[in-house]
Amino acid sequence: MTPMRFAVVGGESTGKSTLARALADALACPLAEEFARDYLTEHGSNYTPDQSLTIAEGQLIREDAAVAEAVRTGRHCVICDTDALSTLIWSEFYFGEQHAEVRRLAESRRYALHLLCTPDHLEWEDDGLRQSPTSRPWFTERFTQEISHGGGSLLCLDQPPDQRLGIALEHIRPMLDAAADLPA
């Protein structure tokens, strides 16, 4: 069985990485960590449209490695801390347009569920890389539009942070159980 992919997405400082790590721990599955954070830490937070392609490709490499690990270890899912769609939306925000190749990469992947972390109940935290404290509602709207337009499944997590893991697991576990019941 191919592992199910669950992508945690959202704007800056919405608890994505915290939730992604908690989900991977709770489900004992591989985590595809966010590539953009590592890339921008190394290269600086001012990047070009072409670098957005590098970021999207790096994220998908991490995702593929997590899927390979899940297959190797017999795990039924992978948690992705962002995805190529995230890079596409960030590119749109920073450069006023979407990078065509990043769009192609984003459309090439399917996820069992996108978990959209909203800014509700969370203060924006400056960590040295974050630059857009007022943009978080815009990102929530854009993720909702893009995922809905693409026919993907979306779970909007707008509850207090201490409730998000439980709610996410309430949606993910039945999906995993149903997939486990399907003939191989």
C-alpha atoms as a PDB file:
ATOM      1  CA  MET A   1       0.000   0.000   0.000  1.00  0.00           C
ATOM      2  CA  THR A   2       1.288   3.442  -0.880  1.00  0.00           C
ATOM      3  CA  PRO A   3       1.490   5.587   2.254  1.00  0.00           C
ATOM      4  CA  MET A   4      -1.129   8.315   2.580  1.00  0.00           C
ATOM      5  CA  ARG A   5       0.248  11.858   2.551  1.00  0.00           C
ATOM      6  CA  PHE A   6      -1.054  14.520   4.900  1.00  0.00           C
ATOM      7  CA  ALA A   7       0.175  18.098   4.302  1.00  0.00           C
ATOM      8  CA  VAL A   8       0.183  20.719   7.048  1.00  0.00           C
ATOM      9  CA  VAL A   9      -0.076  24.184   5.482  1.00  0.00           C
ATOM     10  CA  GLY A  10      -0.815  27.801   6.365  1.00  0.00           C
ATOM     11  CA  GLY A  11       0.708  31.241   6.715  1.00  0.00           C
ATOM     12  CA  GLU A  12       3.578  32.323   8.923  1.00  0.00           C
ATOM     13  CA  SER A  13       3.444  31.613  12.633  1.00  0.00           C
ATOM     14  CA  THR A  14       0.304  29.465  12.533  1.00  0.00           C
ATOM     15  CA  GLY A  15       1.714  26.393  14.283  1.00  0.00           C
ATOM     16  CA  LYS A  16       2.383  24.253  11.194  1.00  0.00           C
ATOM     17  CA  SER A  17       5.718  22.773  12.218  1.00  0.00           C
ATOM     18  CA  THR A  18       4.597  22.154  15.780  1.00  0.00           C
ATOM     19  CA  LEU A  19       1.483  20.344  14.561  1.00  0.00           C
ATOM     20  CA  ALA A  20       3.380  18.392  11.889  1.00  0.00           C
ATOM     21  CA  ARG A  21       5.905  17.077  14.437  1.00  0.00           C
ATOM     22  CA  ALA A  22       3.141  16.190  16.902  1.00  0.00           C
ATOM     23  CA  LEU A  23       1.185  14.317  14.212  1.00  0.00           C
ATOM     24  CA  ALA A  24       4.246  12.372  13.070  1.00  0.00           C
ATOM     25  CA  ASP A  25       4.952  11.412  16.684  1.00  0.00           C
ATOM     26  CA  ALA A  26       1.341  10.456  17.427  1.00  0.00           C
ATOM     27  CA  LEU A  27       1.055   8.364  14.261  1.00  0.00           C
ATOM     28  CA  ALA A  28       4.609   6.966  14.501  1.00  0.00           C
ATOM     29  CA  CYS A  29       5.249   7.894  10.875  1.00  0.00           C
ATOM     30  CA  PRO A  30       7.916   9.776   8.920  1.00  0.00           C
ATOM     31  CA  LEU A  31       7.892  13.561   8.768  1.00  0.00           C
ATOM     32  CA  ALA A  32       8.924  15.511   5.661  1.00  0.00           C
ATOM     33  CA  GLU A  33      10.274  18.604   7.368  1.00  0.00           C
ATOM     34  CA  GLU A  34       9.896  22.063   5.860  1.00  0.00           C
ATOM     35  CA  PHE A  35      12.645  22.679   3.294  1.00  0.00           C
ATOM     36  CA  ALA A  36      12.015  26.424   2.899  1.00  0.00           C
ATOM     37  CA  ARG A  37      13.010  27.237   6.484  1.00  0.00           C
ATOM     38  CA  ASP A  38      16.366  25.473   6.122  1.00  0.00           C
ATOM     39  CA  TYR A  39      16.989  26.962   2.680  1.00  0.00           C
ATOM     40  CA  LEU A  40      16.148  30.519   3.749  1.00  0.00           C
ATOM     41  CA  THR A  41      18.213  30.190   6.931  1.00  0.00           C
ATOM     42  CA  GLU A  42      21.204  29.261   4.786  1.00  0.00           C
ATOM     43  CA  HIS A  43      20.628  31.636   1.844  1.00  0.00           C
ATOM     44  CA  GLY A  44      18.746  34.547   3.402  1.00  0.00           C
ATOM     45  CA  SER A  45      15.061  35.373   3.430  1.00  0.00           C
ATOM     46  CA  ASN A  46      15.183  37.546   0.295  1.00  0.00           C
ATOM     47  CA  TYR A  47      14.869  35.127  -2.569  1.00  0.00           C
ATOM     48  CA  THR A  48      13.991  35.194  -6.262  1.00  0.00           C
ATOM     49  CA  PRO A  49      11.177  33.576  -8.239  1.00  0.00           C
ATOM     50  CA  ASP A  50      13.657  31.017  -9.584  1.00  0.00           C
ATOM     51  CA  GLN A  51      14.687  30.133  -6.044  1.00  0.00           C
ATOM     52  CA  SER A  52      11.046  29.361  -5.308  1.00  0.00           C
ATOM     53  CA  LEU A  53      11.429  26.488  -7.768  1.00  0.00           C
ATOM     54  CA  THR A  54      14.482  25.268  -5.840  1.00  0.00           C
ATOM     55  CA  ILE A  55      12.450  25.444  -2.633  1.00  0.00           C
ATOM     56  CA  ALA A  56       9.522  23.495  -4.120  1.00  0.00           C
ATOM     57  CA  GLU A  57      11.869  20.843  -5.516  1.00  0.00           C
ATOM     58  CA  GLY A  58      13.656  20.548  -2.177  1.00  0.00           C
ATOM     59  CA  GLN A  59      10.353  20.073  -0.367  1.00  0.00           C
ATOM     60  CA  LEU A  60       9.304  17.308  -2.745  1.00  0.00           C
ATOM     61  CA  ILE A  61      12.676  15.570  -2.344  1.00  0.00           C
ATOM     62  CA  ARG A  62      12.105  15.525   1.415  1.00  0.00           C
ATOM     63  CA  GLU A  63       8.565  14.272   0.885  1.00  0.00           C
ATOM     64  CA  ASP A  64       9.751  11.470  -1.413  1.00  0.00           C
ATOM     65  CA  ALA A  65      12.389  10.458   1.150  1.00  0.00           C
ATOM     66  CA  ALA A  66       9.724  10.314   3.874  1.00  0.00           C
ATOM     67  CA  VAL A  67       7.489   8.173   1.647  1.00  0.00           C
ATOM     68  CA  ALA A  68      10.414   5.825   0.938  1.00  0.00           C
ATOM     69  CA  GLU A  69      11.058   5.575   4.689  1.00  0.00           C
ATOM     70  CA  ALA A  70       7.379   4.813   5.317  1.00  0.00           C
ATOM     71  CA  VAL A  71       7.443   2.047   2.708  1.00  0.00           C
ATOM     72  CA  ARG A  72      10.688   0.630   4.129  1.00  0.00           C
ATOM     73  CA  THR A  73       9.338   0.592   7.689  1.00  0.00           C
ATOM     74  CA  GLY A  74       5.759  -0.460   6.885  1.00  0.00           C
ATOM     75  CA  ARG A  75       4.152   2.831   7.941  1.00  0.00           C
ATOM     76  CA  HIS A  76       0.859   3.787   6.339  1.00  0.00           C
ATOM     77  CA  CYS A  77       1.262   7.560   6.222  1.00  0.00           C
ATOM     78  CA  VAL A  78       3.625  10.500   5.957  1.00  0.00           C
ATOM     79  CA  ILE A  79       3.211  13.961   7.444  1.00  0.00           C
ATOM     80  CA  CYS A  80       4.444  16.806   5.239  1.00  0.00           C
ATOM     81  CA  ASP A  81       5.355  20.103   6.895  1.00  0.00           C
ATOM     82  CA  THR A  82       4.236  22.204   3.912  1.00  0.00           C
ATOM     83  CA  ASP A  83       4.195  21.181   0.249  1.00  0.00           C
ATOM     84  CA  ALA A  84       4.844  22.601  -3.218  1.00  0.00           C
ATOM     85  CA  LEU A  85       1.479  24.383  -3.085  1.00  0.00           C
ATOM     86  CA  SER A  86       2.813  26.347  -0.119  1.00  0.00           C
ATOM     87  CA  THR A  87       5.782  27.467  -2.197  1.00  0.00           C
ATOM     88  CA  LEU A  88       3.440  28.439  -5.028  1.00  0.00           C
ATOM     89  CA  ILE A  89       1.310  30.607  -2.766  1.00  0.00           C
ATOM     90  CA  TRP A  90       4.363  32.219  -1.169  1.00  0.00           C
ATOM     91  CA  SER A  91       5.734  32.971  -4.632  1.00  0.00           C
ATOM     92  CA  GLU A  92       2.446  34.647  -5.508  1.00  0.00           C
ATOM     93  CA  PHE A  93       2.558  36.695  -2.309  1.00  0.00           C
ATOM     94  CA  TYR A  94       6.142  37.895  -2.694  1.00  0.00           C
ATOM     95  CA  PHE A  95       6.413  38.270  -6.458  1.00  0.00           C
ATOM     96  CA  GLY A  96       2.818  38.991  -7.508  1.00  0.00           C
ATOM     97  CA  GLU A  97       2.641  35.926  -9.720  1.00  0.00           C
ATOM     98  CA  GLN A  98       2.856  32.179  -9.580  1.00  0.00           C
ATOM     99  CA  HIS A  99       5.896  30.398 -10.954  1.00  0.00           C
ATOM    100  CA  ALA A 100       4.655  28.093 -13.749  1.00  0.00           C
ATOM    101  CA  GLU A 101       7.009  25.211 -12.915  1.00  0.00           C
ATOM    102  CA  VAL A 102       6.155  25.421  -9.212  1.00  0.00           C
ATOM    103  CA  ARG A 103       2.471  25.276 -10.226  1.00  0.00           C
ATOM    104  CA  ARG A 104       3.213  22.099 -12.236  1.00  0.00           C
ATOM    105  CA  LEU A 105       4.995  20.538  -9.248  1.00  0.00           C
ATOM    106  CA  ALA A 106       2.139  21.469  -6.912  1.00  0.00           C
ATOM    107  CA  GLU A 107      -0.415  19.923  -9.246  1.00  0.00           C
ATOM    108  CA  SER A 108       1.647  16.739  -9.589  1.00  0.00           C
ATOM    109  CA  ARG A 109       1.034  15.724  -5.978  1.00  0.00           C
ATOM    110  CA  ARG A 110      -2.076  14.474  -4.232  1.00  0.00           C
ATOM    111  CA  TYR A 111      -2.669  14.420  -0.503  1.00  0.00           C
ATOM    112  CA  ALA A 112      -5.219  12.509   1.482  1.00  0.00           C
ATOM    113  CA  LEU A 113      -5.847  15.696   3.446  1.00  0.00           C
ATOM    114  CA  HIS A 114      -4.497  19.230   3.739  1.00  0.00           C
ATOM    115  CA  LEU A 115      -4.537  20.467   7.316  1.00  0.00           C
ATOM    116  CA  LEU A 116      -4.787  24.262   7.154  1.00  0.00           C
ATOM    117  CA  CYS A 117      -3.472  25.989  10.274  1.00  0.00           C
ATOM    118  CA  THR A 118      -5.046  29.399  10.701  1.00  0.00           C
ATOM    119  CA  PRO A 119      -3.760  32.335  12.765  1.00  0.00           C
ATOM    120  CA  ASP A 120      -6.749  32.131  15.104  1.00  0.00           C
ATOM    121  CA  HIS A 121      -5.710  31.998  18.773  1.00  0.00           C
ATOM    122  CA  LEU A 122      -2.017  32.510  17.892  1.00  0.00           C
ATOM    123  CA  GLU A 123       0.088  35.621  18.216  1.00  0.00           C
ATOM    124  CA  TRP A 124       2.537  36.256  15.399  1.00  0.00           C
ATOM    125  CA  GLU A 125       6.101  35.524  16.510  1.00  0.00           C
ATOM    126  CA  ASP A 126       9.133  37.101  14.874  1.00  0.00           C
ATOM    127  CA  ASP A 127      11.781  34.422  14.465  1.00  0.00           C
ATOM    128  CA  GLY A 128      14.137  36.333  12.199  1.00  0.00           C
ATOM    129  CA  LEU A 129      12.800  34.756   8.984  1.00  0.00           C
ATOM    130  CA  ARG A 130       9.162  35.739   9.209  1.00  0.00           C
ATOM    131  CA  GLN A 131       8.325  39.035   7.545  1.00  0.00           C
ATOM    132  CA  SER A 132       4.572  39.363   7.165  1.00  0.00           C
ATOM    133  CA  PRO A 133       2.617  39.602  10.425  1.00  0.00           C
ATOM    134  CA  THR A 134      -0.525  40.941   8.749  1.00  0.00           C
ATOM    135  CA  SER A 135      -0.583  38.469   5.850  1.00  0.00           C
ATOM    136  CA  ARG A 136      -1.851  35.409   7.710  1.00  0.00           C
ATOM    137  CA  PRO A 137      -5.571  35.849   6.871  1.00  0.00           C
ATOM    138  CA  TRP A 138      -4.643  36.300   3.189  1.00  0.00           C
ATOM    139  CA  PHE A 139      -2.743  33.002   3.246  1.00  0.00           C
ATOM    140  CA  THR A 140      -5.657  31.223   4.901  1.00  0.00           C
ATOM    141  CA  GLU A 141      -7.958  32.426   2.117  1.00  0.00           C
ATOM    142  CA  ARG A 142      -5.504  31.526  -0.672  1.00  0.00           C
ATOM    143  CA  PHE A 143      -4.895  28.014   0.670  1.00  0.00           C
ATOM    144  CA  THR A 144      -8.649  27.496   0.977  1.00  0.00           C
ATOM    145  CA  GLN A 145      -9.202  28.681  -2.608  1.00  0.00           C
ATOM    146  CA  GLU A 146      -6.355  26.654  -4.130  1.00  0.00           C
ATOM    147  CA  ILE A 147      -7.130  23.402  -2.314  1.00  0.00           C
ATOM    148  CA  SER A 148     -10.857  23.681  -2.982  1.00  0.00           C
ATOM    149  CA  HIS A 149     -10.267  24.573  -6.641  1.00  0.00           C
ATOM    150  CA  GLY A 150      -7.927  21.609  -7.027  1.00  0.00           C
ATOM    151  CA  GLY A 151     -10.470  19.193  -5.577  1.00  0.00           C
ATOM    152  CA  GLY A 152      -8.396  18.387  -2.504  1.00  0.00           C
ATOM    153  CA  SER A 153      -9.658  17.541   0.946  1.00  0.00           C
ATOM    154  CA  LEU A 154      -9.219  20.319   3.474  1.00  0.00           C
ATOM    155  CA  LEU A 155      -9.453  20.444   7.251  1.00  0.00           C
ATOM    156  CA  CYS A 156      -9.357  24.003   8.570  1.00  0.00           C
ATOM    157  CA  LEU A 157      -7.789  24.097  12.041  1.00  0.00           C
ATOM    158  CA  ASP A 158      -8.899  27.349  13.598  1.00  0.00           C
ATOM    159  CA  GLN A 159      -9.187  26.075  17.157  1.00  0.00           C
ATOM    160  CA  PRO A 160      -6.785  26.916  19.989  1.00  0.00           C
ATOM    161  CA  PRO A 161      -3.414  25.227  19.421  1.00  0.00           C
ATOM    162  CA  ASP A 162      -3.870  22.743  22.270  1.00  0.00           C
ATOM    163  CA  GLN A 163      -6.958  21.311  20.504  1.00  0.00           C
ATOM    164  CA  ARG A 164      -5.589  21.033  16.963  1.00  0.00           C
ATOM    165  CA  LEU A 165      -3.695  17.752  17.332  1.00  0.00           C
ATOM    166  CA  GLY A 166      -6.730  15.918  18.714  1.00  0.00           C
ATOM    167  CA  ILE A 167      -9.011  17.270  16.011  1.00  0.00           C
ATOM    168  CA  ALA A 168      -6.512  16.404  13.275  1.00  0.00           C
ATOM    169  CA  LEU A 169      -6.169  12.848  14.607  1.00  0.00           C
ATOM    170  CA  GLU A 170      -9.971  12.475  14.732  1.00  0.00           C
ATOM    171  CA  HIS A 171      -9.973  13.048  10.960  1.00  0.00           C
ATOM    172  CA  ILE A 172      -6.799  11.178  10.007  1.00  0.00           C
ATOM    173  CA  ARG A 173      -7.220   7.944  11.968  1.00  0.00           C
ATOM    174  CA  PRO A 174     -10.520   6.925  10.298  1.00  0.00           C
ATOM    175  CA  MET A 175      -8.949   7.589   6.906  1.00  0.00           C
ATOM    176  CA  LEU A 176      -6.033   5.301   7.779  1.00  0.00           C
ATOM    177  CA  ASP A 177      -8.399   2.661   9.151  1.00  0.00           C
ATOM    178  CA  ALA A 178     -10.501   2.747   5.976  1.00  0.00           C
ATOM    179  CA  ALA A 179      -7.401   2.446   3.773  1.00  0.00           C
ATOM    180  CA  ALA A 180      -6.139  -0.496   5.837  1.00  0.00           C
ATOM    181  CA  ASP A 181      -9.442  -2.320   5.178  1.00  0.00           C
ATOM    182  CA  LEU A 182      -9.057  -2.063   1.393  1.00  0.00           C
ATOM    183  CA  PRO A 183      -7.756  -5.096  -0.458  1.00  0.00           C
ATOM    184  CA  ALA A 184      -4.086  -4.788  -1.417  1.00  0.00           C
END
